[in-house]
Amino acid sequence: MTINADNQNPIMNSAEERRRRFLEEFEKPFKCEKCNERFKKKKYLREHKSEVHSY
């Protein structure tokens, strides 16, 4: 069992959890700082920021 640094809740370090983290971090490495949405390409992140957070 590990501790999630964001909210200090224990989470199981199961194979399913490791797979989910792998997919988030390696298939979609670009993360929006404002809403935590992830993108495959930096271009998509830039487009997202300009369309969603441009106010």
C-alpha atoms as a PDB file:
ATOM      1  CA  MET A   1       0.000   0.000   0.000  1.00  0.00           C
ATOM      2  CA  THR A   2       1.230   3.502  -0.840  1.00  0.00           C
ATOM      3  CA  ILE A   3       0.147   6.966   0.226  1.00  0.00           C
ATOM      4  CA  ASN A   4      -1.183   9.355  -2.385  1.00  0.00           C
ATOM      5  CA  ALA A   5       0.720  12.623  -1.856  1.00  0.00           C
ATOM      6  CA  ASP A   6      -2.176  14.812  -3.063  1.00  0.00           C
ATOM      7  CA  ASN A   7      -4.779  13.947  -0.466  1.00  0.00           C
ATOM      8  CA  GLN A   8      -2.965  11.509   1.850  1.00  0.00           C
ATOM      9  CA  ASN A   9      -5.441   8.667   1.207  1.00  0.00           C
ATOM     10  CA  PRO A  10      -3.995   5.170   1.029  1.00  0.00           C
ATOM     11  CA  ILE A  11      -4.347   3.561  -2.388  1.00  0.00           C
ATOM     12  CA  MET A  12      -3.671  -0.002  -3.395  1.00  0.00           C
ATOM     13  CA  ASN A  13      -0.621  -0.483  -5.583  1.00  0.00           C
ATOM     14  CA  SER A  14      -2.349  -3.122  -7.679  1.00  0.00           C
ATOM     15  CA  ALA A  15      -1.535  -4.107 -11.233  1.00  0.00           C
ATOM     16  CA  GLU A  16      -4.617  -2.194 -12.364  1.00  0.00           C
ATOM     17  CA  GLU A  17      -3.458   0.981 -10.593  1.00  0.00           C
ATOM     18  CA  ARG A  18       0.056   0.671 -12.084  1.00  0.00           C
ATOM     19  CA  ARG A  19      -1.441   0.197 -15.559  1.00  0.00           C
ATOM     20  CA  ARG A  20      -3.670   3.268 -15.143  1.00  0.00           C
ATOM     21  CA  ARG A  21      -0.708   5.418 -14.065  1.00  0.00           C
ATOM     22  CA  PHE A  22       1.404   4.077 -16.948  1.00  0.00           C
ATOM     23  CA  LEU A  23      -1.281   4.976 -19.467  1.00  0.00           C
ATOM     24  CA  GLU A  24      -1.693   8.469 -18.014  1.00  0.00           C
ATOM     25  CA  GLU A  25       1.991   9.289 -17.768  1.00  0.00           C
ATOM     26  CA  PHE A  26       3.371   7.660 -20.912  1.00  0.00           C
ATOM     27  CA  GLU A  27       0.552   7.653 -23.440  1.00  0.00           C
ATOM     28  CA  LYS A  28      -0.586  11.160 -22.495  1.00  0.00           C
ATOM     29  CA  PRO A  29       2.482  12.888 -21.047  1.00  0.00           C
ATOM     30  CA  PHE A  30       1.259  16.494 -21.438  1.00  0.00           C
ATOM     31  CA  LYS A  31      -0.879  17.640 -18.511  1.00  0.00           C
ATOM     32  CA  CYS A  32      -2.870  20.850 -18.158  1.00  0.00           C
ATOM     33  CA  GLU A  33      -1.928  22.581 -14.900  1.00  0.00           C
ATOM     34  CA  LYS A  34      -5.379  24.121 -14.464  1.00  0.00           C
ATOM     35  CA  CYS A  35      -7.700  21.141 -14.953  1.00  0.00           C
ATOM     36  CA  ASN A  36      -5.324  18.122 -14.942  1.00  0.00           C
ATOM     37  CA  GLU A  37      -6.571  16.873 -18.307  1.00  0.00           C
ATOM     38  CA  ARG A  38      -3.884  14.961 -20.234  1.00  0.00           C
ATOM     39  CA  PHE A  39      -2.949  14.977 -23.930  1.00  0.00           C
ATOM     40  CA  LYS A  40      -0.868  12.857 -26.284  1.00  0.00           C
ATOM     41  CA  LYS A  41       0.726  15.822 -28.027  1.00  0.00           C
ATOM     42  CA  LYS A  42       1.933  19.193 -26.831  1.00  0.00           C
ATOM     43  CA  LYS A  43      -0.003  20.722 -29.717  1.00  0.00           C
ATOM     44  CA  TYR A  44      -3.267  19.380 -28.278  1.00  0.00           C
ATOM     45  CA  LEU A  45      -2.409  20.806 -24.867  1.00  0.00           C
ATOM     46  CA  ARG A  46      -1.733  24.236 -26.382  1.00  0.00           C
ATOM     47  CA  GLU A  47      -5.038  24.105 -28.279  1.00  0.00           C
ATOM     48  CA  HIS A  48      -6.874  23.071 -25.125  1.00  0.00           C
ATOM     49  CA  LYS A  49      -5.360  25.937 -23.124  1.00  0.00           C
ATOM     50  CA  SER A  50      -6.246  28.503 -25.764  1.00  0.00           C
ATOM     51  CA  GLU A  51      -9.827  27.253 -26.171  1.00  0.00           C
ATOM     52  CA  VAL A  52     -10.758  26.334 -22.608  1.00  0.00           C
ATOM     53  CA  HIS A  53      -8.612  28.526 -20.350  1.00  0.00           C
ATOM     54  CA  SER A  54      -8.137  31.646 -22.481  1.00  0.00           C
ATOM     55  CA  TYR A  55     -10.340  34.052 -20.529  1.00  0.00           C
END
